[in-house]
C-alpha atoms as a PDB file:
ATOM      1  CA  UNK A   1     -80.558  48.091 -20.417  1.00  0.00           C
ATOM      2  CA  UNK A   2     -82.089  44.885 -20.234  1.00  0.00           C
ATOM      3  CA  UNK A   3     -84.200  43.558 -17.330  1.00  0.00           C
ATOM      4  CA  UNK A   4     -84.451  39.854 -16.020  1.00  0.00           C
ATOM      5  CA  UNK A   5     -87.092  38.161 -14.242  1.00  0.00           C
ATOM      6  CA  UNK A   6     -87.209  34.786 -12.463  1.00  0.00           C
ATOM      7  CA  UNK A   7     -90.212  32.697 -12.215  1.00  0.00           C
ATOM      8  CA  UNK A   8     -91.103  29.790  -9.926  1.00  0.00           C
ATOM      9  CA  UNK A   9     -92.353  26.737 -11.662  1.00  0.00           C
ATOM     10  CA  UNK A  10     -93.724  23.682  -9.829  1.00  0.00           C
ATOM     11  CA  UNK A  11     -91.067  20.584 -10.441  1.00  0.00           C
ATOM     12  CA  UNK A  12     -93.991  18.487 -11.469  1.00  0.00           C
ATOM     13  CA  UNK A  13     -94.834  20.931 -14.178  1.00  0.00           C
ATOM     14  CA  UNK A  14     -91.190  20.868 -15.496  1.00  0.00           C
ATOM     15  CA  UNK A  15     -91.151  17.053 -15.001  1.00  0.00           C
ATOM     16  CA  UNK A  16     -94.060  16.575 -17.179  1.00  0.00           C
ATOM     17  CA  UNK A  17     -93.025  19.090 -19.852  1.00  0.00           C
ATOM     18  CA  UNK A  18     -89.776  16.913 -20.121  1.00  0.00           C
ATOM     19  CA  UNK A  19     -91.630  13.703 -20.590  1.00  0.00           C
ATOM     20  CA  UNK A  20     -93.924  15.269 -23.261  1.00  0.00           C
ATOM     21  CA  UNK A  21     -90.871  16.700 -25.252  1.00  0.00           C
ATOM     22  CA  UNK A  22     -89.061  13.325 -24.808  1.00  0.00           C
ATOM     23  CA  UNK A  23     -91.739  11.593 -26.108  1.00  0.00           C
ATOM     24  CA  UNK A  24     -92.290  13.905 -29.133  1.00  0.00           C
ATOM     25  CA  UNK A  25     -88.745  13.481 -29.979  1.00  0.00           C
ATOM     26  CA  UNK A  26     -88.979   9.629 -29.515  1.00  0.00           C
ATOM     27  CA  UNK A  27     -86.358   9.560 -27.056  1.00  0.00           C
ATOM     28  CA  UNK A  28     -85.909   7.848 -23.651  1.00  0.00           C
ATOM     29  CA  UNK A  29     -85.718  10.364 -20.546  1.00  0.00           C
ATOM     30  CA  UNK A  30     -83.561   8.819 -17.497  1.00  0.00           C
ATOM     31  CA  UNK A  31     -83.794  10.748 -14.424  1.00  0.00           C
ATOM     32  CA  UNK A  32     -81.277  10.417 -11.377  1.00  0.00           C
ATOM     33  CA  UNK A  33     -78.183   8.882 -13.150  1.00  0.00           C
ATOM     34  CA  UNK A  34     -76.441   8.630  -9.783  1.00  0.00           C
ATOM     35  CA  UNK A  35     -78.723   5.998  -8.936  1.00  0.00           C
ATOM     36  CA  UNK A  36     -78.592   3.954 -12.161  1.00  0.00           C
ATOM     37  CA  UNK A  37     -76.324   0.804 -12.975  1.00  0.00           C
ATOM     38  CA  UNK A  38     -73.774   2.600 -15.159  1.00  0.00           C
ATOM     39  CA  UNK A  39     -71.582  -0.718 -15.558  1.00  0.00           C
ATOM     40  CA  UNK A  40     -72.856  -1.309 -18.946  1.00  0.00           C
ATOM     41  CA  UNK A  41     -71.375   2.117 -20.015  1.00  0.00           C
ATOM     42  CA  UNK A  42     -67.929   1.976 -21.529  1.00  0.00           C
ATOM     43  CA  UNK A  43     -65.312   3.790 -19.631  1.00  0.00           C
ATOM     44  CA  UNK A  44     -62.880   6.288 -20.911  1.00  0.00           C
ATOM     45  CA  UNK A  45     -59.800   4.713 -22.652  1.00  0.00           C
ATOM     46  CA  UNK A  46     -56.332   4.926 -21.094  1.00  0.00           C
ATOM     47  CA  UNK A  47     -53.667   7.030 -22.433  1.00  0.00           C
ATOM     48  CA  UNK A  48     -51.980   3.721 -23.823  1.00  0.00           C
ATOM     49  CA  UNK A  49     -54.540   3.058 -25.989  1.00  0.00           C
ATOM     50  CA  UNK A  50     -54.661   6.443 -27.294  1.00  0.00           C
ATOM     51  CA  UNK A  51     -51.060   6.316 -28.083  1.00  0.00           C
ATOM     52  CA  UNK A  52     -51.251   3.212 -29.492  1.00  0.00           C
ATOM     53  CA  UNK A  53     -53.772   4.609 -31.778  1.00  0.00           C
ATOM     54  CA  UNK A  54     -51.799   7.622 -32.656  1.00  0.00           C
ATOM     55  CA  UNK A  55     -48.623   5.504 -33.425  1.00  0.00           C
ATOM     56  CA  UNK A  56     -50.520   3.437 -35.998  1.00  0.00           C
ATOM     57  CA  UNK A  57     -52.403   6.375 -37.767  1.00  0.00           C
ATOM     58  CA  UNK A  58     -48.970   7.982 -38.186  1.00  0.00           C
ATOM     59  CA  UNK A  59     -47.820   4.893 -39.479  1.00  0.00           C
ATOM     60  CA  UNK A  60     -50.825   4.795 -42.065  1.00  0.00           C
ATOM     61  CA  UNK A  61     -49.954   8.626 -42.857  1.00  0.00           C
ATOM     62  CA  UNK A  62     -46.210   7.775 -43.830  1.00  0.00           C
ATOM     63  CA  UNK A  63     -47.431   5.115 -46.100  1.00  0.00           C
ATOM     64  CA  UNK A  64     -49.731   7.372 -48.101  1.00  0.00           C
ATOM     65  CA  UNK A  65     -47.249  10.156 -48.601  1.00  0.00           C
ATOM     66  CA  UNK A  66     -44.910  10.015 -51.394  1.00  0.00           C
ATOM     67  CA  UNK A  67     -41.464   9.179 -50.685  1.00  0.00           C
ATOM     68  CA  UNK A  68     -39.141  12.540 -50.760  1.00  0.00           C
END
């Protein structure tokens, strides 16, 4: 059987390790997304847009298929 164990690590050590890892990977680490202004983030497309894209793709596919 397998056994598990839990360890309590101080939050400041976790944060420091995450910052270090992010720096090594050359990425920007952002905490607390709820407090950030996310207006610049694109919202999900409405279903009409997806349906319109599907229609255009189906049209292009029909044009590529040989007439039978």
